[in-house]
Amino acid sequence: MNNLLFISMPGGSEWLLIVLAVLVLFGGRKIPEFMRGIGRGIREFNDAKNNVKKEIEDGISEKDTKQASSTTSAR
């Protein structure tokens, strides 16, 4: 039987248990610092993703302009 059928998102009581475990492990003072670090990581990931996307789009547009200029000069 497929085991993936039994995996689902946590419900209300599971989230409560996860939050309590995080509080116990990190303490109340470390959580804002931890969240700031997560936010910084997400921001850096999105910046890198946008830079790669921009480079790909620039490369495609540069290739298109080279092809267009070579076809007009060949005529």
PDB file of N, CA and C in Angstrom:
ATOM      1  N   MET A   1       0.838  -1.181   0.000  1.00  0.00           N
ATOM      2  CA  MET A   1       0.000   0.000   0.000  1.00  0.00           C
ATOM      3  C   MET A   1       0.881   1.240   0.000  1.00  0.00           C
ATOM      4  N   ASN A   2       0.398   2.298  -0.585  1.00  0.00           N
ATOM      5  CA  ASN A   2       1.164   3.527  -0.711  1.00  0.00           C
ATOM      6  C   ASN A   2       1.199   4.267   0.626  1.00  0.00           C
ATOM      7  N   ASN A   3       2.373   4.460   1.181  1.00  0.00           N
ATOM      8  CA  ASN A   3       2.518   5.120   2.479  1.00  0.00           C
ATOM      9  C   ASN A   3       2.272   6.616   2.389  1.00  0.00           C
ATOM     10  N   LEU A   4       2.353   7.203   1.208  1.00  0.00           N
ATOM     11  CA  LEU A   4       2.137   8.634   1.072  1.00  0.00           C
ATOM     12  C   LEU A   4       0.698   9.047   1.357  1.00  0.00           C
ATOM     13  N   LEU A   5      -0.220   8.117   1.311  1.00  0.00           N
ATOM     14  CA  LEU A   5      -1.613   8.439   1.595  1.00  0.00           C
ATOM     15  C   LEU A   5      -1.828   8.822   3.053  1.00  0.00           C
ATOM     16  N   PHE A   6      -0.946   8.373   3.922  1.00  0.00           N
ATOM     17  CA  PHE A   6      -1.115   8.617   5.345  1.00  0.00           C
ATOM     18  C   PHE A   6      -0.406   9.884   5.814  1.00  0.00           C
ATOM     19  N   ILE A   7       0.337  10.551   4.933  1.00  0.00           N
ATOM     20  CA  ILE A   7       1.041  11.779   5.285  1.00  0.00           C
ATOM     21  C   ILE A   7       0.145  12.962   4.953  1.00  0.00           C
ATOM     22  N   SER A   8      -0.090  13.818   5.946  1.00  0.00           N
ATOM     23  CA  SER A   8      -0.911  15.004   5.702  1.00  0.00           C
ATOM     24  C   SER A   8      -0.370  16.158   6.540  1.00  0.00           C
ATOM     25  N   MET A   9      -0.916  17.330   6.331  1.00  0.00           N
ATOM     26  CA  MET A   9      -0.513  18.502   7.106  1.00  0.00           C
ATOM     27  C   MET A   9      -0.964  18.330   8.557  1.00  0.00           C
ATOM     28  N   PRO A  10      -0.176  18.875   9.490  1.00  0.00           N
ATOM     29  CA  PRO A  10      -0.548  18.770  10.906  1.00  0.00           C
ATOM     30  C   PRO A  10      -1.851  19.537  11.201  1.00  0.00           C
ATOM     31  N   GLY A  11      -2.621  18.993  12.097  1.00  0.00           N
ATOM     32  CA  GLY A  11      -3.858  19.645  12.523  1.00  0.00           C
ATOM     33  C   GLY A  11      -3.596  20.591  13.682  1.00  0.00           C
ATOM     34  N   GLY A  12      -4.648  21.060  14.311  1.00  0.00           N
ATOM     35  CA  GLY A  12      -4.542  22.035  15.398  1.00  0.00           C
ATOM     36  C   GLY A  12      -3.746  21.547  16.583  1.00  0.00           C
ATOM     37  N   SER A  13      -4.018  20.339  17.035  1.00  0.00           N
ATOM     38  CA  SER A  13      -3.312  19.833  18.215  1.00  0.00           C
ATOM     39  C   SER A  13      -1.838  19.559  17.893  1.00  0.00           C
ATOM     40  N   GLU A  14      -1.545  19.128  16.665  1.00  0.00           N
ATOM     41  CA  GLU A  14      -0.153  18.891  16.290  1.00  0.00           C
ATOM     42  C   GLU A  14       0.629  20.203  16.245  1.00  0.00           C
ATOM     43  N   TRP A  15      -0.006  21.268  15.725  1.00  0.00           N
ATOM     44  CA  TRP A  15       0.670  22.576  15.688  1.00  0.00           C
ATOM     45  C   TRP A  15       0.957  23.066  17.100  1.00  0.00           C
ATOM     46  N   LEU A  16       0.015  22.867  17.998  1.00  0.00           N
ATOM     47  CA  LEU A  16       0.210  23.273  19.380  1.00  0.00           C
ATOM     48  C   LEU A  16       1.393  22.532  19.988  1.00  0.00           C
ATOM     49  N   LEU A  17       1.492  21.261  19.730  1.00  0.00           N
ATOM     50  CA  LEU A  17       2.604  20.462  20.229  1.00  0.00           C
ATOM     51  C   LEU A  17       3.931  20.936  19.634  1.00  0.00           C
ATOM     52  N   ILE A  18       3.940  21.275  18.351  1.00  0.00           N
ATOM     53  CA  ILE A  18       5.157  21.773  17.694  1.00  0.00           C
ATOM     54  C   ILE A  18       5.579  23.104  18.309  1.00  0.00           C
ATOM     55  N   VAL A  19       4.634  24.002  18.523  1.00  0.00           N
ATOM     56  CA  VAL A  19       4.938  25.309  19.118  1.00  0.00           C
ATOM     57  C   VAL A  19       5.489  25.137  20.528  1.00  0.00           C
ATOM     58  N   LEU A  20       4.894  24.265  21.302  1.00  0.00           N
ATOM     59  CA  LEU A  20       5.394  24.022  22.658  1.00  0.00           C
ATOM     60  C   LEU A  20       6.797  23.440  22.633  1.00  0.00           C
ATOM     61  N   ALA A  21       7.068  22.540  21.706  1.00  0.00           N
ATOM     62  CA  ALA A  21       8.402  21.952  21.599  1.00  0.00           C
ATOM     63  C   ALA A  21       9.430  23.022  21.232  1.00  0.00           C
ATOM     64  N   VAL A  22       9.066  23.930  20.326  1.00  0.00           N
ATOM     65  CA  VAL A  22       9.978  25.015  19.944  1.00  0.00           C
ATOM     66  C   VAL A  22      10.237  25.929  21.133  1.00  0.00           C
ATOM     67  N   LEU A  23       9.189  26.239  21.893  1.00  0.00           N
ATOM     68  CA  LEU A  23       9.360  27.075  23.089  1.00  0.00           C
ATOM     69  C   LEU A  23      10.289  26.424  24.100  1.00  0.00           C
ATOM     70  N   VAL A  24      10.139  25.134  24.294  1.00  0.00           N
ATOM     71  CA  VAL A  24      10.973  24.428  25.261  1.00  0.00           C
ATOM     72  C   VAL A  24      12.419  24.375  24.776  1.00  0.00           C
ATOM     73  N   LEU A  25      12.621  24.108  23.482  1.00  0.00           N
ATOM     74  CA  LEU A  25      13.974  23.966  22.961  1.00  0.00           C
ATOM     75  C   LEU A  25      14.719  25.297  22.870  1.00  0.00           C
ATOM     76  N   PHE A  26      14.059  26.343  22.410  1.00  0.00           N
ATOM     77  CA  PHE A  26      14.741  27.603  22.149  1.00  0.00           C
ATOM     78  C   PHE A  26      14.519  28.646  23.231  1.00  0.00           C
ATOM     79  N   GLY A  27      13.449  28.560  23.964  1.00  0.00           N
ATOM     80  CA  GLY A  27      13.146  29.565  24.970  1.00  0.00           C
ATOM     81  C   GLY A  27      12.513  30.795  24.330  1.00  0.00           C
ATOM     82  N   GLY A  28      11.860  31.601  25.128  1.00  0.00           N
ATOM     83  CA  GLY A  28      11.132  32.760  24.621  1.00  0.00           C
ATOM     84  C   GLY A  28      12.024  33.852  24.053  1.00  0.00           C
ATOM     85  N   ARG A  29      13.251  33.952  24.532  1.00  0.00           N
ATOM     86  CA  ARG A  29      14.135  35.035  24.092  1.00  0.00           C
ATOM     87  C   ARG A  29      14.820  34.726  22.772  1.00  0.00           C
ATOM     88  N   LYS A  30      15.003  33.479  22.457  1.00  0.00           N
ATOM     89  CA  LYS A  30      15.717  33.102  21.235  1.00  0.00           C
ATOM     90  C   LYS A  30      14.803  33.037  20.011  1.00  0.00           C
ATOM     91  N   ILE A  31      13.511  32.958  20.201  1.00  0.00           N
ATOM     92  CA  ILE A  31      12.590  32.793  19.071  1.00  0.00           C
ATOM     93  C   ILE A  31      12.610  33.992  18.122  1.00  0.00           C
ATOM     94  N   PRO A  32      12.556  35.260  18.595  1.00  0.00           N
ATOM     95  CA  PRO A  32      12.627  36.376  17.641  1.00  0.00           C
ATOM     96  C   PRO A  32      13.922  36.376  16.829  1.00  0.00           C
ATOM     97  N   GLU A  33      15.025  36.030  17.481  1.00  0.00           N
ATOM     98  CA  GLU A  33      16.317  35.948  16.788  1.00  0.00           C
ATOM     99  C   GLU A  33      16.278  34.835  15.732  1.00  0.00           C
ATOM    100  N   PHE A  34      15.687  33.724  16.087  1.00  0.00           N
ATOM    101  CA  PHE A  34      15.542  32.587  15.175  1.00  0.00           C
ATOM    102  C   PHE A  34      14.683  32.967  13.972  1.00  0.00           C
ATOM    103  N   MET A  35      13.582  33.656  14.229  1.00  0.00           N
ATOM    104  CA  MET A  35      12.682  34.077  13.138  1.00  0.00           C
ATOM    105  C   MET A  35      13.357  35.106  12.233  1.00  0.00           C
ATOM    106  N   ARG A  36      14.142  36.010  12.814  1.00  0.00           N
ATOM    107  CA  ARG A  36      14.891  36.975  12.009  1.00  0.00           C
ATOM    108  C   ARG A  36      15.848  36.261  11.068  1.00  0.00           C
ATOM    109  N   GLY A  37      16.502  35.239  11.573  1.00  0.00           N
ATOM    110  CA  GLY A  37      17.424  34.457  10.752  1.00  0.00           C
ATOM    111  C   GLY A  37      16.702  33.748   9.618  1.00  0.00           C
ATOM    112  N   ILE A  38      15.537  33.208   9.904  1.00  0.00           N
ATOM    113  CA  ILE A  38      14.741  32.554   8.863  1.00  0.00           C
ATOM    114  C   ILE A  38      14.316  33.570   7.810  1.00  0.00           C
ATOM    115  N   GLY A  39      13.868  34.741   8.258  1.00  0.00           N
ATOM    116  CA  GLY A  39      13.464  35.795   7.321  1.00  0.00           C
ATOM    117  C   GLY A  39      14.609  36.247   6.442  1.00  0.00           C
ATOM    118  N   ARG A  40      15.791  36.393   7.039  1.00  0.00           N
ATOM    119  CA  ARG A  40      16.981  36.778   6.277  1.00  0.00           C
ATOM    120  C   ARG A  40      17.313  35.719   5.232  1.00  0.00           C
ATOM    121  N   GLY A  41      17.219  34.463   5.624  1.00  0.00           N
ATOM    122  CA  GLY A  41      17.499  33.366   4.696  1.00  0.00           C
ATOM    123  C   GLY A  41      16.518  33.335   3.533  1.00  0.00           C
ATOM    124  N   ILE A  42      15.244  33.540   3.826  1.00  0.00           N
ATOM    125  CA  ILE A  42      14.226  33.557   2.770  1.00  0.00           C
ATOM    126  C   ILE A  42      14.464  34.730   1.835  1.00  0.00           C
ATOM    127  N   ARG A  43      14.801  35.896   2.392  1.00  0.00           N
ATOM    128  CA  ARG A  43      15.070  37.082   1.569  1.00  0.00           C
ATOM    129  C   ARG A  43      16.264  36.848   0.655  1.00  0.00           C
ATOM    130  N   GLU A  44      17.342  36.258   1.179  1.00  0.00           N
ATOM    131  CA  GLU A  44      18.522  35.983   0.369  1.00  0.00           C
ATOM    132  C   GLU A  44      18.202  34.969  -0.732  1.00  0.00           C
ATOM    133  N   PHE A  45      17.411  33.962  -0.405  1.00  0.00           N
ATOM    134  CA  PHE A  45      17.016  32.974  -1.407  1.00  0.00           C
ATOM    135  C   PHE A  45      16.223  33.632  -2.529  1.00  0.00           C
ATOM    136  N   ASN A  46      15.266  34.486  -2.177  1.00  0.00           N
ATOM    137  CA  ASN A  46      14.457  35.162  -3.188  1.00  0.00           C
ATOM    138  C   ASN A  46      15.299  36.110  -4.036  1.00  0.00           C
ATOM    139  N   ASP A  47      16.261  36.808  -3.423  1.00  0.00           N
ATOM    140  CA  ASP A  47      17.150  37.685  -4.186  1.00  0.00           C
ATOM    141  C   ASP A  47      17.970  36.880  -5.184  1.00  0.00           C
ATOM    142  N   ALA A  48      18.509  35.751  -4.740  1.00  0.00           N
ATOM    143  CA  ALA A  48      19.298  34.904  -5.636  1.00  0.00           C
ATOM    144  C   ALA A  48      18.433  34.356  -6.761  1.00  0.00           C
ATOM    145  N   LYS A  49      17.213  33.964  -6.428  1.00  0.00           N
ATOM    146  CA  LYS A  49      16.292  33.429  -7.446  1.00  0.00           C
ATOM    147  C   LYS A  49      15.976  34.502  -8.485  1.00  0.00           C
ATOM    148  N   ASN A  50      15.735  35.722  -8.029  1.00  0.00           N
ATOM    149  CA  ASN A  50      15.437  36.815  -8.956  1.00  0.00           C
ATOM    150  C   ASN A  50      16.639  37.162  -9.823  1.00  0.00           C
ATOM    151  N   ASN A  51      17.849  37.100  -9.247  1.00  0.00           N
ATOM    152  CA  ASN A  51      19.054  37.378 -10.030  1.00  0.00           C
ATOM    153  C   ASN A  51      19.256  36.337 -11.124  1.00  0.00           C
ATOM    154  N   VAL A  52      19.051  35.073 -10.801  1.00  0.00           N
ATOM    155  CA  VAL A  52      19.192  34.016 -11.806  1.00  0.00           C
ATOM    156  C   VAL A  52      18.148  34.190 -12.900  1.00  0.00           C
ATOM    157  N   LYS A  53      16.925  34.489 -12.513  1.00  0.00           N
ATOM    158  CA  LYS A  53      15.854  34.697 -13.488  1.00  0.00           C
ATOM    159  C   LYS A  53      16.183  35.865 -14.416  1.00  0.00           C
ATOM    160  N   LYS A  54      16.704  36.965 -13.840  1.00  0.00           N
ATOM    161  CA  LYS A  54      17.059  38.141 -14.634  1.00  0.00           C
ATOM    162  C   LYS A  54      18.188  37.817 -15.600  1.00  0.00           C
ATOM    163  N   GLU A  55      19.203  37.071 -15.147  1.00  0.00           N
ATOM    164  CA  GLU A  55      20.313  36.705 -16.014  1.00  0.00           C
ATOM    165  C   GLU A  55      19.850  35.835 -17.172  1.00  0.00           C
ATOM    166  N   ILE A  56      18.954  34.915 -16.900  1.00  0.00           N
ATOM    167  CA  ILE A  56      18.422  34.056 -17.966  1.00  0.00           C
ATOM    168  C   ILE A  56      17.642  34.891 -18.970  1.00  0.00           C
ATOM    169  N   GLU A  57      16.782  35.780 -18.472  1.00  0.00           N
ATOM    170  CA  GLU A  57      16.001  36.629 -19.376  1.00  0.00           C
ATOM    171  C   GLU A  57      16.901  37.554 -20.178  1.00  0.00           C
ATOM    172  N   ASP A  58      17.958  38.105 -19.562  1.00  0.00           N
ATOM    173  CA  ASP A  58      18.903  38.962 -20.276  1.00  0.00           C
ATOM    174  C   ASP A  58      19.639  38.170 -21.352  1.00  0.00           C
ATOM    175  N   GLY A  59      20.022  36.936 -21.028  1.00  0.00           N
ATOM    176  CA  GLY A  59      20.704  36.084 -22.001  1.00  0.00           C
ATOM    177  C   GLY A  59      19.815  35.767 -23.192  1.00  0.00           C
ATOM    178  N   ILE A  60      18.542  35.501 -22.931  1.00  0.00           N
ATOM    179  CA  ILE A  60      17.609  35.205 -24.016  1.00  0.00           C
ATOM    180  C   ILE A  60      17.399  36.432 -24.883  1.00  0.00           C
ATOM    181  N   SER A  61      17.219  37.601 -24.259  1.00  0.00           N
ATOM    182  CA  SER A  61      16.994  38.815 -25.048  1.00  0.00           C
ATOM    183  C   SER A  61      18.249  39.198 -25.820  1.00  0.00           C
ATOM    184  N   GLU A  62      19.433  38.959 -25.243  1.00  0.00           N
ATOM    185  CA  GLU A  62      20.687  39.245 -25.946  1.00  0.00           C
ATOM    186  C   GLU A  62      20.834  38.334 -27.160  1.00  0.00           C
ATOM    187  N   LYS A  63      20.465  37.076 -27.001  1.00  0.00           N
ATOM    188  CA  LYS A  63      20.526  36.121 -28.110  1.00  0.00           C
ATOM    189  C   LYS A  63      19.564  36.541 -29.218  1.00  0.00           C
ATOM    190  N   ASP A  64      18.364  36.976 -28.833  1.00  0.00           N
ATOM    191  CA  ASP A  64      17.374  37.419 -29.815  1.00  0.00           C
ATOM    192  C   ASP A  64      17.860  38.646 -30.576  1.00  0.00           C
ATOM    193  N   THR A  65      18.497  39.593 -29.901  1.00  0.00           N
ATOM    194  CA  THR A  65      18.980  40.802 -30.582  1.00  0.00           C
ATOM    195  C   THR A  65      20.141  40.469 -31.513  1.00  0.00           C
ATOM    196  N   LYS A  66      21.010  39.517 -31.127  1.00  0.00           N
ATOM    197  CA  LYS A  66      22.104  39.100 -32.006  1.00  0.00           C
ATOM    198  C   LYS A  66      21.559  38.412 -33.252  1.00  0.00           C
ATOM    199  N   GLN A  67      20.544  37.571 -33.087  1.00  0.00           N
ATOM    200  CA  GLN A  67      19.947  36.880 -34.233  1.00  0.00           C
ATOM    201  C   GLN A  67      19.270  37.882 -35.160  1.00  0.00           C
ATOM    202  N   ALA A  68      18.604  38.867 -34.572  1.00  0.00           N
ATOM    203  CA  ALA A  68      17.904  39.860 -35.391  1.00  0.00           C
ATOM    204  C   ALA A  68      18.906  40.718 -36.148  1.00  0.00           C
ATOM    205  N   SER A  69      20.008  41.085 -35.533  1.00  0.00           N
ATOM    206  CA  SER A  69      21.003  41.917 -36.214  1.00  0.00           C
ATOM    207  C   SER A  69      21.749  41.124 -37.284  1.00  0.00           C
ATOM    208  N   SER A  70      21.955  39.820 -37.055  1.00  0.00           N
ATOM    209  CA  SER A  70      22.657  39.016 -38.070  1.00  0.00           C
ATOM    210  C   SER A  70      21.768  38.746 -39.273  1.00  0.00           C
ATOM    211  N   THR A  71      20.466  38.619 -39.072  1.00  0.00           N
ATOM    212  CA  THR A  71      19.567  38.395 -40.209  1.00  0.00           C
ATOM    213  C   THR A  71      19.365  39.679 -41.021  1.00  0.00           C
ATOM    214  N   THR A  72      19.400  40.844 -40.363  1.00  0.00           N
ATOM    215  CA  THR A  72      19.250  42.088 -41.108  1.00  0.00           C
ATOM    216  C   THR A  72      20.537  42.439 -41.844  1.00  0.00           C
ATOM    217  N   SER A  73      21.712  42.078 -41.321  1.00  0.00           N
ATOM    218  CA  SER A  73      22.965  42.374 -42.012  1.00  0.00           C
ATOM    219  C   SER A  73      23.223  41.393 -43.143  1.00  0.00           C
ATOM    220  N   ALA A  74      22.619  40.206 -43.082  1.00  0.00           N
ATOM    221  CA  ALA A  74      22.805  39.202 -44.126  1.00  0.00           C
ATOM    222  C   ALA A  74      22.006  39.540 -45.378  1.00  0.00           C
ATOM    223  N   ARG A  75      21.006  40.383 -45.270  1.00  0.00           N
ATOM    224  CA  ARG A  75      20.167  40.715 -46.427  1.00  0.00           C
ATOM    225  C   ARG A  75      20.792  41.668 -47.305  1.00  0.00           C
TER     226      ARG A  75
END
